[in-house]
Amino acid sequence: MNHRYQEPIRSALGDTRFASREVTISNEFGIHMRPAAKMVHLVHCFRSSIHLVVDGEEYFAGQIMDLLRAHLTKGTRLTLVAEGTDAEIAISALVKFLDSLALEETETEASTLNHKTKKAA
């Protein structure tokens, strides 16, 4: 689906008013309640209005229920969309947040495996 957020629009002052980025959910458990709450908290740190588009449906990223309704499971492709004076910064922060979920999961698995190995010894 094409939507109006594909290309950033710059004002006369050069600040980005729109930004978007396509991402894929890569962590095993997707976005469930805990990461959704963290994501909502992050979204509210920015002045921009932030949405995500999944399969042509738009969801407000600042509400837990919208994030949960989006069914963001592993492998889900979505477009993060921000409109406002800090749009590009907001999108970059959200991409880093989503990447960190996959990293956090990997570290947790390694810690669990290490703990099981120590127990067995």
PDB file of N, CA and C in Angstrom:
ATOM      1  N   MET A   1       0.835  -1.181   0.000  1.00  0.00           N
ATOM      2  CA  MET A   1       0.000   0.000   0.000  1.00  0.00           C
ATOM      3  C   MET A   1       0.879   1.243   0.000  1.00  0.00           C
ATOM      4  N   ASN A   2       0.590   2.153  -0.869  1.00  0.00           N
ATOM      5  CA  ASN A   2       1.297   3.430  -0.880  1.00  0.00           C
ATOM      6  C   ASN A   2       0.584   4.376   0.058  1.00  0.00           C
ATOM      7  N   HIS A   3       1.354   5.120   0.806  1.00  0.00           N
ATOM      8  CA  HIS A   3       0.750   6.131   1.657  1.00  0.00           C
ATOM      9  C   HIS A   3       1.596   7.382   1.609  1.00  0.00           C
ATOM     10  N   ARG A   4       1.056   8.475   2.086  1.00  0.00           N
ATOM     11  CA  ARG A   4       1.677   9.786   1.924  1.00  0.00           C
ATOM     12  C   ARG A   4       2.964   9.958   2.694  1.00  0.00           C
ATOM     13  N   TYR A   5       3.356   8.987   3.500  1.00  0.00           N
ATOM     14  CA  TYR A   5       4.516   9.134   4.360  1.00  0.00           C
ATOM     15  C   TYR A   5       5.804   8.587   3.743  1.00  0.00           C
ATOM     16  N   GLN A   6       5.768   8.155   2.510  1.00  0.00           N
ATOM     17  CA  GLN A   6       6.929   7.492   1.917  1.00  0.00           C
ATOM     18  C   GLN A   6       8.173   8.382   1.877  1.00  0.00           C
ATOM     19  N   GLU A   7       8.038   9.619   1.525  1.00  0.00           N
ATOM     20  CA  GLU A   7       9.189  10.506   1.398  1.00  0.00           C
ATOM     21  C   GLU A   7       9.132  11.600   2.453  1.00  0.00           C
ATOM     22  N   PRO A   8      10.247  11.849   3.165  1.00  0.00           N
ATOM     23  CA  PRO A   8      10.259  12.961   4.114  1.00  0.00           C
ATOM     24  C   PRO A   8      10.020  14.285   3.396  1.00  0.00           C
ATOM     25  N   ILE A   9       9.258  15.160   4.009  1.00  0.00           N
ATOM     26  CA  ILE A   9       9.002  16.484   3.467  1.00  0.00           C
ATOM     27  C   ILE A   9       9.738  17.473   4.353  1.00  0.00           C
ATOM     28  N   ARG A  10      10.535  18.341   3.749  1.00  0.00           N
ATOM     29  CA  ARG A  10      11.305  19.303   4.526  1.00  0.00           C
ATOM     30  C   ARG A  10      10.665  20.684   4.425  1.00  0.00           C
ATOM     31  N   SER A  11      10.608  21.361   5.547  1.00  0.00           N
ATOM     32  CA  SER A  11      10.070  22.725   5.559  1.00  0.00           C
ATOM     33  C   SER A  11      11.137  23.689   5.043  1.00  0.00           C
ATOM     34  N   ALA A  12      10.785  24.962   4.953  1.00  0.00           N
ATOM     35  CA  ALA A  12      11.730  25.981   4.490  1.00  0.00           C
ATOM     36  C   ALA A  12      12.943  26.063   5.408  1.00  0.00           C
ATOM     37  N   LEU A  13      12.780  25.678   6.678  1.00  0.00           N
ATOM     38  CA  LEU A  13      13.897  25.708   7.630  1.00  0.00           C
ATOM     39  C   LEU A  13      14.781  24.468   7.528  1.00  0.00           C
ATOM     40  N   GLY A  14      14.348  23.487   6.741  1.00  0.00           N
ATOM     41  CA  GLY A  14      15.156  22.290   6.551  1.00  0.00           C
ATOM     42  C   GLY A  14      14.886  21.184   7.553  1.00  0.00           C
ATOM     43  N   ASP A  15      13.966  21.383   8.483  1.00  0.00           N
ATOM     44  CA  ASP A  15      13.699  20.318   9.453  1.00  0.00           C
ATOM     45  C   ASP A  15      12.725  19.301   8.860  1.00  0.00           C
ATOM     46  N   THR A  16      12.896  18.064   9.222  1.00  0.00           N
ATOM     47  CA  THR A  16      12.065  17.000   8.696  1.00  0.00           C
ATOM     48  C   THR A  16      10.699  17.028   9.367  1.00  0.00           C
ATOM     49  N   ARG A  17       9.670  17.001   8.592  1.00  0.00           N
ATOM     50  CA  ARG A  17       8.303  16.986   9.104  1.00  0.00           C
ATOM     51  C   ARG A  17       7.693  15.596   9.058  1.00  0.00           C
ATOM     52  N   PHE A  18       8.131  14.780   8.118  1.00  0.00           N
ATOM     53  CA  PHE A  18       7.651  13.415   7.982  1.00  0.00           C
ATOM     54  C   PHE A  18       8.862  12.498   7.861  1.00  0.00           C
ATOM     55  N   ALA A  19       8.758  11.345   8.465  1.00  0.00           N
ATOM     56  CA  ALA A  19       9.808  10.340   8.296  1.00  0.00           C
ATOM     57  C   ALA A  19       9.157   8.977   8.390  1.00  0.00           C
ATOM     58  N   SER A  20       9.697   8.026   7.686  1.00  0.00           N
ATOM     59  CA  SER A  20       9.180   6.662   7.773  1.00  0.00           C
ATOM     60  C   SER A  20      10.308   5.675   7.517  1.00  0.00           C
ATOM     61  N   ARG A  21      10.133   4.497   8.031  1.00  0.00           N
ATOM     62  CA  ARG A  21      11.120   3.454   7.827  1.00  0.00           C
ATOM     63  C   ARG A  21      10.437   2.100   7.933  1.00  0.00           C
ATOM     64  N   GLU A  22      10.771   1.200   7.018  1.00  0.00           N
ATOM     65  CA  GLU A  22      10.247  -0.156   7.063  1.00  0.00           C
ATOM     66  C   GLU A  22      11.134  -1.002   7.948  1.00  0.00           C
ATOM     67  N   VAL A  23      10.533  -1.790   8.810  1.00  0.00           N
ATOM     68  CA  VAL A  23      11.274  -2.688   9.690  1.00  0.00           C
ATOM     69  C   VAL A  23      10.573  -4.042   9.748  1.00  0.00           C
ATOM     70  N   THR A  24      11.319  -5.041  10.181  1.00  0.00           N
ATOM     71  CA  THR A  24      10.767  -6.373  10.393  1.00  0.00           C
ATOM     72  C   THR A  24      11.001  -6.755  11.843  1.00  0.00           C
ATOM     73  N   ILE A  25       9.969  -7.241  12.495  1.00  0.00           N
ATOM     74  CA  ILE A  25      10.103  -7.690  13.882  1.00  0.00           C
ATOM     75  C   ILE A  25      10.963  -8.945  13.883  1.00  0.00           C
ATOM     76  N   SER A  26      12.079  -8.914  14.608  1.00  0.00           N
ATOM     77  CA  SER A  26      13.013 -10.040  14.537  1.00  0.00           C
ATOM     78  C   SER A  26      13.130 -10.830  15.836  1.00  0.00           C
ATOM     79  N   ASN A  27      12.597 -10.312  16.936  1.00  0.00           N
ATOM     80  CA  ASN A  27      12.717 -11.091  18.159  1.00  0.00           C
ATOM     81  C   ASN A  27      11.668 -12.201  18.198  1.00  0.00           C
ATOM     82  N   GLU A  28      12.007 -13.289  18.839  1.00  0.00           N
ATOM     83  CA  GLU A  28      11.215 -14.512  18.835  1.00  0.00           C
ATOM     84  C   GLU A  28       9.780 -14.318  19.321  1.00  0.00           C
ATOM     85  N   PHE A  29       9.580 -13.498  20.328  1.00  0.00           N
ATOM     86  CA  PHE A  29       8.262 -13.363  20.948  1.00  0.00           C
ATOM     87  C   PHE A  29       7.464 -12.181  20.403  1.00  0.00           C
ATOM     88  N   GLY A  30       8.009 -11.437  19.462  1.00  0.00           N
ATOM     89  CA  GLY A  30       7.294 -10.307  18.902  1.00  0.00           C
ATOM     90  C   GLY A  30       7.105  -9.199  19.925  1.00  0.00           C
ATOM     91  N   ILE A  31       6.105  -8.351  19.684  1.00  0.00           N
ATOM     92  CA  ILE A  31       5.811  -7.250  20.598  1.00  0.00           C
ATOM     93  C   ILE A  31       4.614  -7.666  21.446  1.00  0.00           C
ATOM     94  N   HIS A  32       4.900  -8.138  22.649  1.00  0.00           N
ATOM     95  CA  HIS A  32       3.846  -8.498  23.607  1.00  0.00           C
ATOM     96  C   HIS A  32       3.747  -7.368  24.623  1.00  0.00           C
ATOM     97  N   MET A  33       3.093  -7.590  25.743  1.00  0.00           N
ATOM     98  CA  MET A  33       2.766  -6.508  26.676  1.00  0.00           C
ATOM     99  C   MET A  33       3.985  -5.732  27.182  1.00  0.00           C
ATOM    100  N   ARG A  34       5.037  -6.418  27.617  1.00  0.00           N
ATOM    101  CA  ARG A  34       6.197  -5.711  28.183  1.00  0.00           C
ATOM    102  C   ARG A  34       6.888  -4.808  27.161  1.00  0.00           C
ATOM    103  N   PRO A  35       7.280  -5.321  25.983  1.00  0.00           N
ATOM    104  CA  PRO A  35       7.905  -4.419  25.018  1.00  0.00           C
ATOM    105  C   PRO A  35       6.928  -3.371  24.477  1.00  0.00           C
ATOM    106  N   ALA A  36       5.638  -3.693  24.416  1.00  0.00           N
ATOM    107  CA  ALA A  36       4.661  -2.697  23.964  1.00  0.00           C
ATOM    108  C   ALA A  36       4.619  -1.524  24.941  1.00  0.00           C
ATOM    109  N   ALA A  37       4.647  -1.817  26.241  1.00  0.00           N
ATOM    110  CA  ALA A  37       4.641  -0.754  27.252  1.00  0.00           C
ATOM    111  C   ALA A  37       5.902   0.111  27.137  1.00  0.00           C
ATOM    112  N   LYS A  38       7.047  -0.537  26.916  1.00  0.00           N
ATOM    113  CA  LYS A  38       8.291   0.213  26.748  1.00  0.00           C
ATOM    114  C   LYS A  38       8.248   1.084  25.490  1.00  0.00           C
ATOM    115  N   MET A  39       7.662   0.538  24.435  1.00  0.00           N
ATOM    116  CA  MET A  39       7.582   1.279  23.182  1.00  0.00           C
ATOM    117  C   MET A  39       6.665   2.493  23.340  1.00  0.00           C
ATOM    118  N   VAL A  40       5.541   2.325  24.012  1.00  0.00           N
ATOM    119  CA  VAL A  40       4.620   3.444  24.247  1.00  0.00           C
ATOM    120  C   VAL A  40       5.328   4.538  25.052  1.00  0.00           C
ATOM    121  N   HIS A  41       6.078   4.135  26.066  1.00  0.00           N
ATOM    122  CA  HIS A  41       6.820   5.110  26.868  1.00  0.00           C
ATOM    123  C   HIS A  41       7.804   5.881  25.987  1.00  0.00           C
ATOM    124  N   LEU A  42       8.507   5.184  25.116  1.00  0.00           N
ATOM    125  CA  LEU A  42       9.455   5.824  24.205  1.00  0.00           C
ATOM    126  C   LEU A  42       8.738   6.789  23.259  1.00  0.00           C
ATOM    127  N   VAL A  43       7.617   6.356  22.700  1.00  0.00           N
ATOM    128  CA  VAL A  43       6.859   7.190  21.768  1.00  0.00           C
ATOM    129  C   VAL A  43       6.464   8.510  22.417  1.00  0.00           C
ATOM    130  N   HIS A  44       6.092   8.463  23.689  1.00  0.00           N
ATOM    131  CA  HIS A  44       5.656   9.679  24.379  1.00  0.00           C
ATOM    132  C   HIS A  44       6.808  10.620  24.744  1.00  0.00           C
ATOM    133  N   CYS A  45       8.035  10.220  24.445  1.00  0.00           N
ATOM    134  CA  CYS A  45       9.191  11.098  24.649  1.00  0.00           C
ATOM    135  C   CYS A  45       9.348  12.100  23.504  1.00  0.00           C
ATOM    136  N   PHE A  46       8.596  11.913  22.433  1.00  0.00           N
ATOM    137  CA  PHE A  46       8.737  12.747  21.243  1.00  0.00           C
ATOM    138  C   PHE A  46       7.501  13.596  21.016  1.00  0.00           C
ATOM    139  N   ARG A  47       7.716  14.720  20.341  1.00  0.00           N
ATOM    140  CA  ARG A  47       6.603  15.622  20.012  1.00  0.00           C
ATOM    141  C   ARG A  47       5.842  15.136  18.787  1.00  0.00           C
ATOM    142  N   SER A  48       6.484  14.357  17.945  1.00  0.00           N
ATOM    143  CA  SER A  48       5.862  13.885  16.707  1.00  0.00           C
ATOM    144  C   SER A  48       4.731  12.912  16.983  1.00  0.00           C
ATOM    145  N   SER A  49       3.794  12.870  16.058  1.00  0.00           N
ATOM    146  CA  SER A  49       2.743  11.857  16.063  1.00  0.00           C
ATOM    147  C   SER A  49       3.327  10.629  15.369  1.00  0.00           C
ATOM    148  N   ILE A  50       3.297   9.491  16.050  1.00  0.00           N
ATOM    149  CA  ILE A  50       3.963   8.303  15.523  1.00  0.00           C
ATOM    150  C   ILE A  50       2.948   7.178  15.351  1.00  0.00           C
ATOM    151  N   HIS A  51       2.952   6.602  14.160  1.00  0.00           N
ATOM    152  CA  HIS A  51       2.050   5.500  13.831  1.00  0.00           C
ATOM    153  C   HIS A  51       2.855   4.368  13.224  1.00  0.00           C
ATOM    154  N   LEU A  52       2.227   3.221  13.134  1.00  0.00           N
ATOM    155  CA  LEU A  52       2.826   2.143  12.366  1.00  0.00           C
ATOM    156  C   LEU A  52       1.767   1.589  11.439  1.00  0.00           C
ATOM    157  N   VAL A  53       2.231   1.156  10.285  1.00  0.00           N
ATOM    158  CA  VAL A  53       1.339   0.612   9.267  1.00  0.00           C
ATOM    159  C   VAL A  53       1.715  -0.856   9.069  1.00  0.00           C
ATOM    160  N   VAL A  54       0.712  -1.721   9.259  1.00  0.00           N
ATOM    161  CA  VAL A  54       0.896  -3.165   9.104  1.00  0.00           C
ATOM    162  C   VAL A  54      -0.198  -3.668   8.170  1.00  0.00           C
ATOM    163  N   ASP A  55       0.194  -4.272   7.069  1.00  0.00           N
ATOM    164  CA  ASP A  55      -0.763  -4.805   6.095  1.00  0.00           C
ATOM    165  C   ASP A  55      -1.834  -3.780   5.726  1.00  0.00           C
ATOM    166  N   GLY A  56      -1.424  -2.534   5.530  1.00  0.00           N
ATOM    167  CA  GLY A  56      -2.354  -1.496   5.108  1.00  0.00           C
ATOM    168  C   GLY A  56      -3.171  -0.874   6.233  1.00  0.00           C
ATOM    169  N   GLU A  57      -3.076  -1.395   7.431  1.00  0.00           N
ATOM    170  CA  GLU A  57      -3.800  -0.850   8.581  1.00  0.00           C
ATOM    171  C   GLU A  57      -2.869   0.041   9.395  1.00  0.00           C
ATOM    172  N   GLU A  58      -3.381   1.185   9.848  1.00  0.00           N
ATOM    173  CA  GLU A  58      -2.581   2.129  10.610  1.00  0.00           C
ATOM    174  C   GLU A  58      -2.947   2.045  12.089  1.00  0.00           C
ATOM    175  N   TYR A  59      -1.910   2.037  12.947  1.00  0.00           N
ATOM    176  CA  TYR A  59      -2.088   1.944  14.398  1.00  0.00           C
ATOM    177  C   TYR A  59      -1.302   3.066  15.064  1.00  0.00           C
ATOM    178  N   PHE A  60      -1.856   3.631  16.123  1.00  0.00           N
ATOM    179  CA  PHE A  60      -1.172   4.674  16.878  1.00  0.00           C
ATOM    180  C   PHE A  60      -0.150   4.011  17.794  1.00  0.00           C
ATOM    181  N   ALA A  61       1.115   4.388  17.664  1.00  0.00           N
ATOM    182  CA  ALA A  61       2.190   3.751  18.426  1.00  0.00           C
ATOM    183  C   ALA A  61       2.211   4.182  19.885  1.00  0.00           C
ATOM    184  N   GLY A  62       1.408   5.156  20.253  1.00  0.00           N
ATOM    185  CA  GLY A  62       1.385   5.654  21.620  1.00  0.00           C
ATOM    186  C   GLY A  62       0.342   5.005  22.506  1.00  0.00           C
ATOM    187  N   GLN A  63      -0.302   3.938  22.025  1.00  0.00           N
ATOM    188  CA  GLN A  63      -1.302   3.233  22.821  1.00  0.00           C
ATOM    189  C   GLN A  63      -1.028   1.734  22.812  1.00  0.00           C
ATOM    190  N   ILE A  64      -0.924   1.169  23.999  1.00  0.00           N
ATOM    191  CA  ILE A  64      -0.633  -0.260  24.122  1.00  0.00           C
ATOM    192  C   ILE A  64      -1.649  -1.103  23.351  1.00  0.00           C
ATOM    193  N   MET A  65      -2.918  -0.783  23.491  1.00  0.00           N
ATOM    194  CA  MET A  65      -3.941  -1.600  22.820  1.00  0.00           C
ATOM    195  C   MET A  65      -3.774  -1.591  21.307  1.00  0.00           C
ATOM    196  N   ASP A  66      -3.393  -0.458  20.729  1.00  0.00           N
ATOM    197  CA  ASP A  66      -3.159  -0.421  19.291  1.00  0.00           C
ATOM    198  C   ASP A  66      -1.981  -1.307  18.906  1.00  0.00           C
ATOM    199  N   LEU A  67      -0.912  -1.252  19.691  1.00  0.00           N
ATOM    200  CA  LEU A  67       0.250  -2.103  19.396  1.00  0.00           C
ATOM    201  C   LEU A  67      -0.116  -3.579  19.485  1.00  0.00           C
ATOM    202  N   LEU A  68      -0.883  -3.947  20.483  1.00  0.00           N
ATOM    203  CA  LEU A  68      -1.280  -5.348  20.634  1.00  0.00           C
ATOM    204  C   LEU A  68      -2.243  -5.776  19.525  1.00  0.00           C
ATOM    205  N   ARG A  69      -3.129  -4.881  19.109  1.00  0.00           N
ATOM    206  CA  ARG A  69      -4.064  -5.196  18.012  1.00  0.00           C
ATOM    207  C   ARG A  69      -3.334  -5.401  16.690  1.00  0.00           C
ATOM    208  N   ALA A  70      -2.155  -4.816  16.549  1.00  0.00           N
ATOM    209  CA  ALA A  70      -1.389  -4.932  15.304  1.00  0.00           C
ATOM    210  C   ALA A  70      -0.782  -6.327  15.125  1.00  0.00           C
ATOM    211  N   HIS A  71      -0.815  -7.167  16.173  1.00  0.00           N
ATOM    212  CA  HIS A  71      -0.274  -8.538  16.121  1.00  0.00           C
ATOM    213  C   HIS A  71       1.147  -8.560  15.567  1.00  0.00           C
ATOM    214  N   LEU A  72       2.056  -7.908  16.272  1.00  0.00           N
ATOM    215  CA  LEU A  72       3.436  -7.774  15.823  1.00  0.00           C
ATOM    216  C   LEU A  72       4.255  -8.992  16.247  1.00  0.00           C
ATOM    217  N   THR A  73       4.107 -10.058  15.492  1.00  0.00           N
ATOM    218  CA  THR A  73       4.834 -11.293  15.768  1.00  0.00           C
ATOM    219  C   THR A  73       6.142 -11.312  14.986  1.00  0.00           C
ATOM    220  N   LYS A  74       6.987 -12.281  15.306  1.00  0.00           N
ATOM    221  CA  LYS A  74       8.269 -12.397  14.602  1.00  0.00           C
ATOM    222  C   LYS A  74       8.028 -12.501  13.101  1.00  0.00           C
ATOM    223  N   GLY A  75       8.767 -11.699  12.343  1.00  0.00           N
ATOM    224  CA  GLY A  75       8.653 -11.704  10.890  1.00  0.00           C
ATOM    225  C   GLY A  75       7.675 -10.674  10.333  1.00  0.00           C
ATOM    226  N   THR A  76       6.899 -10.033  11.209  1.00  0.00           N
ATOM    227  CA  THR A  76       5.954  -9.012  10.745  1.00  0.00           C
ATOM    228  C   THR A  76       6.714  -7.822  10.164  1.00  0.00           C
ATOM    229  N   ARG A  77       6.327  -7.425   8.954  1.00  0.00           N
ATOM    230  CA  ARG A  77       6.907  -6.236   8.329  1.00  0.00           C
ATOM    231  C   ARG A  77       5.961  -5.078   8.592  1.00  0.00           C
ATOM    232  N   LEU A  78       6.537  -3.955   9.013  1.00  0.00           N
ATOM    233  CA  LEU A  78       5.720  -2.783   9.290  1.00  0.00           C
ATOM    234  C   LEU A  78       6.468  -1.539   8.873  1.00  0.00           C
ATOM    235  N   THR A  79       5.731  -0.466   8.744  1.00  0.00           N
ATOM    236  CA  THR A  79       6.331   0.827   8.443  1.00  0.00           C
ATOM    237  C   THR A  79       6.084   1.747   9.627  1.00  0.00           C
ATOM    238  N   LEU A  80       7.155   2.249  10.206  1.00  0.00           N
ATOM    239  CA  LEU A  80       7.055   3.261  11.258  1.00  0.00           C
ATOM    240  C   LEU A  80       6.923   4.611  10.575  1.00  0.00           C
ATOM    241  N   VAL A  81       5.982   5.422  11.025  1.00  0.00           N
ATOM    242  CA  VAL A  81       5.704   6.706  10.403  1.00  0.00           C
ATOM    243  C   VAL A  81       5.627   7.767  11.491  1.00  0.00           C
ATOM    244  N   ALA A  82       6.341   8.868  11.299  1.00  0.00           N
ATOM    245  CA  ALA A  82       6.294   9.969  12.263  1.00  0.00           C
ATOM    246  C   ALA A  82       6.053  11.279  11.526  1.00  0.00           C
ATOM    247  N   GLU A  83       5.271  12.133  12.147  1.00  0.00           N
ATOM    248  CA  GLU A  83       4.989  13.451  11.605  1.00  0.00           C
ATOM    249  C   GLU A  83       5.208  14.463  12.719  1.00  0.00           C
ATOM    250  N   GLY A  84       6.151  15.373  12.512  1.00  0.00           N
ATOM    251  CA  GLY A  84       6.449  16.394  13.509  1.00  0.00           C
ATOM    252  C   GLY A  84       7.877  16.881  13.393  1.00  0.00           C
ATOM    253  N   THR A  85       8.233  17.787  14.274  1.00  0.00           N
ATOM    254  CA  THR A  85       9.548  18.417  14.186  1.00  0.00           C
ATOM    255  C   THR A  85      10.694  17.471  14.502  1.00  0.00           C
ATOM    256  N   ASP A  86      10.439  16.424  15.287  1.00  0.00           N
ATOM    257  CA  ASP A  86      11.499  15.463  15.630  1.00  0.00           C
ATOM    258  C   ASP A  86      11.239  14.090  15.009  1.00  0.00           C
ATOM    259  N   ALA A  87      10.596  14.095  13.857  1.00  0.00           N
ATOM    260  CA  ALA A  87      10.176  12.849  13.208  1.00  0.00           C
ATOM    261  C   ALA A  87      11.335  11.891  12.934  1.00  0.00           C
ATOM    262  N   GLU A  88      12.405  12.392  12.340  1.00  0.00           N
ATOM    263  CA  GLU A  88      13.532  11.508  11.992  1.00  0.00           C
ATOM    264  C   GLU A  88      14.192  10.946  13.245  1.00  0.00           C
ATOM    265  N   ILE A  89      14.344  11.759  14.266  1.00  0.00           N
ATOM    266  CA  ILE A  89      14.945  11.300  15.521  1.00  0.00           C
ATOM    267  C   ILE A  89      14.062  10.235  16.166  1.00  0.00           C
ATOM    268  N   ALA A  90      12.755  10.456  16.131  1.00  0.00           N
ATOM    269  CA  ALA A  90      11.811   9.496  16.720  1.00  0.00           C
ATOM    270  C   ALA A  90      11.882   8.152  16.003  1.00  0.00           C
ATOM    271  N   ILE A  91      11.893   8.181  14.687  1.00  0.00           N
ATOM    272  CA  ILE A  91      11.951   6.933  13.911  1.00  0.00           C
ATOM    273  C   ILE A  91      13.263   6.200  14.199  1.00  0.00           C
ATOM    274  N   SER A  92      14.365   6.928  14.230  1.00  0.00           N
ATOM    275  CA  SER A  92      15.666   6.296  14.525  1.00  0.00           C
ATOM    276  C   SER A  92      15.663   5.649  15.901  1.00  0.00           C
ATOM    277  N   ALA A  93      15.092   6.331  16.883  1.00  0.00           N
ATOM    278  CA  ALA A  93      15.040   5.775  18.246  1.00  0.00           C
ATOM    279  C   ALA A  93      14.181   4.518  18.292  1.00  0.00           C
ATOM    280  N   LEU A  94      13.073   4.513  17.575  1.00  0.00           N
ATOM    281  CA  LEU A  94      12.201   3.340  17.571  1.00  0.00           C
ATOM    282  C   LEU A  94      12.852   2.155  16.853  1.00  0.00           C
ATOM    283  N   VAL A  95      13.572   2.424  15.780  1.00  0.00           N
ATOM    284  CA  VAL A  95      14.288   1.345  15.085  1.00  0.00           C
ATOM    285  C   VAL A  95      15.341   0.741  16.015  1.00  0.00           C
ATOM    286  N   LYS A  96      16.079   1.596  16.724  1.00  0.00           N
ATOM    287  CA  LYS A  96      17.078   1.105  17.686  1.00  0.00           C
ATOM    288  C   LYS A  96      16.411   0.294  18.795  1.00  0.00           C
ATOM    289  N   PHE A  97      15.257   0.765  19.261  1.00  0.00           N
ATOM    290  CA  PHE A  97      14.519   0.042  20.293  1.00  0.00           C
ATOM    291  C   PHE A  97      14.131  -1.352  19.797  1.00  0.00           C
ATOM    292  N   LEU A  98      13.562  -1.441  18.601  1.00  0.00           N
ATOM    293  CA  LEU A  98      13.147  -2.744  18.065  1.00  0.00           C
ATOM    294  C   LEU A  98      14.349  -3.658  17.861  1.00  0.00           C
ATOM    295  N   ASP A  99      15.469  -3.102  17.406  1.00  0.00           N
ATOM    296  CA  ASP A  99      16.699  -3.895  17.264  1.00  0.00           C
ATOM    297  C   ASP A  99      17.177  -4.395  18.625  1.00  0.00           C
ATOM    298  N   SER A 100      17.035  -3.556  19.647  1.00  0.00           N
ATOM    299  CA  SER A 100      17.509  -3.937  20.985  1.00  0.00           C
ATOM    300  C   SER A 100      16.694  -5.086  21.565  1.00  0.00           C
ATOM    301  N   LEU A 101      15.435  -5.224  21.157  1.00  0.00           N
ATOM    302  CA  LEU A 101      14.618  -6.341  21.648  1.00  0.00           C
ATOM    303  C   LEU A 101      15.194  -7.676  21.203  1.00  0.00           C
ATOM    304  N   ALA A 102      15.648  -7.738  19.961  1.00  0.00           N
ATOM    305  CA  ALA A 102      16.251  -8.967  19.452  1.00  0.00           C
ATOM    306  C   ALA A 102      17.569  -9.245  20.167  1.00  0.00           C
ATOM    307  N   LEU A 103      18.352  -8.195  20.411  1.00  0.00           N
ATOM    308  CA  LEU A 103      19.618  -8.352  21.117  1.00  0.00           C
ATOM    309  C   LEU A 103      19.375  -8.797  22.554  1.00  0.00           C
ATOM    310  N   GLU A 104      18.392  -8.187  23.207  1.00  0.00           N
ATOM    311  CA  GLU A 104      18.040  -8.533  24.589  1.00  0.00           C
ATOM    312  C   GLU A 104      17.639 -10.001  24.680  1.00  0.00           C
ATOM    313  N   GLU A 105      16.884 -10.472  23.688  1.00  0.00           N
ATOM    314  CA  GLU A 105      16.456 -11.864  23.657  1.00  0.00           C
ATOM    315  C   GLU A 105      17.656 -12.799  23.537  1.00  0.00           C
ATOM    316  N   THR A 106      18.612 -12.454  22.674  1.00  0.00           N
ATOM    317  CA  THR A 106      19.816 -13.263  22.478  1.00  0.00           C
ATOM    318  C   THR A 106      20.627 -13.333  23.769  1.00  0.00           C
ATOM    319  N   GLU A 107      20.764 -12.191  24.457  1.00  0.00           N
ATOM    320  CA  GLU A 107      21.508 -12.159  25.720  1.00  0.00           C
ATOM    321  C   GLU A 107      20.811 -12.990  26.793  1.00  0.00           C
ATOM    322  N   THR A 108      19.483 -12.946  26.824  1.00  0.00           N
ATOM    323  CA  THR A 108      18.724 -13.725  27.796  1.00  0.00           C
ATOM    324  C   THR A 108      18.897 -15.212  27.541  1.00  0.00           C
ATOM    325  N   GLU A 109      18.848 -15.620  26.267  1.00  0.00           N
ATOM    326  CA  GLU A 109      19.049 -17.029  25.925  1.00  0.00           C
ATOM    327  C   GLU A 109      20.447 -17.489  26.330  1.00  0.00           C
ATOM    328  N   ALA A 110      21.458 -16.663  26.080  1.00  0.00           N
ATOM    329  CA  ALA A 110      22.830 -17.020  26.433  1.00  0.00           C
ATOM    330  C   ALA A 110      22.969 -17.132  27.948  1.00  0.00           C
ATOM    331  N   SER A 111      22.353 -16.242  28.688  1.00  0.00           N
ATOM    332  CA  SER A 111      22.405 -16.277  30.149  1.00  0.00           C
ATOM    333  C   SER A 111      21.725 -17.524  30.687  1.00  0.00           C
ATOM    334  N   THR A 112      20.584 -17.883  30.125  1.00  0.00           N
ATOM    335  CA  THR A 112      19.859 -19.083  30.547  1.00  0.00           C
ATOM    336  C   THR A 112      20.671 -20.327  30.258  1.00  0.00           C
ATOM    337  N   LEU A 113      21.272 -20.397  29.080  1.00  0.00           N
ATOM    338  CA  LEU A 113      22.103 -21.542  28.716  1.00  0.00           C
ATOM    339  C   LEU A 113      23.300 -21.643  29.649  1.00  0.00           C
ATOM    340  N   ASN A 114      23.932 -20.526  29.963  1.00  0.00           N
ATOM    341  CA  ASN A 114      25.071 -20.490  30.865  1.00  0.00           C
ATOM    342  C   ASN A 114      24.660 -20.978  32.253  1.00  0.00           C
ATOM    343  N   HIS A 115      23.493 -20.555  32.725  1.00  0.00           N
ATOM    344  CA  HIS A 115      22.988 -20.957  34.036  1.00  0.00           C
ATOM    345  C   HIS A 115      22.724 -22.468  34.073  1.00  0.00           C
ATOM    346  N   LYS A 116      22.127 -22.997  33.005  1.00  0.00           N
ATOM    347  CA  LYS A 116      21.841 -24.440  32.935  1.00  0.00           C
ATOM    348  C   LYS A 116      23.144 -25.241  32.896  1.00  0.00           C
ATOM    349  N   THR A 117      24.161 -24.737  32.198  1.00  0.00           N
ATOM    350  CA  THR A 117      25.444 -25.410  32.098  1.00  0.00           C
ATOM    351  C   THR A 117      26.122 -25.479  33.459  1.00  0.00           C
ATOM    352  N   LYS A 118      26.067 -24.386  34.214  1.00  0.00           N
ATOM    353  CA  LYS A 118      26.669 -24.346  35.545  1.00  0.00           C
ATOM    354  C   LYS A 118      25.955 -25.300  36.494  1.00  0.00           C
ATOM    355  N   LYS A 119      24.643 -25.407  36.375  1.00  0.00           N
ATOM    356  CA  LYS A 119      23.847 -26.302  37.218  1.00  0.00           C
ATOM    357  C   LYS A 119      24.210 -27.773  36.947  1.00  0.00           C
ATOM    358  N   ALA A 120      24.413 -28.079  35.668  1.00  0.00           N
ATOM    359  CA  ALA A 120      24.705 -29.453  35.271  1.00  0.00           C
ATOM    360  C   ALA A 120      26.092 -29.887  35.745  1.00  0.00           C
ATOM    361  N   ALA A 121      26.992 -28.931  35.901  1.00  0.00           N
ATOM    362  CA  ALA A 121      28.374 -29.258  36.279  1.00  0.00           C
ATOM    363  C   ALA A 121      28.478 -29.489  37.720  1.00  0.00           C
TER     364      ALA A 121
END
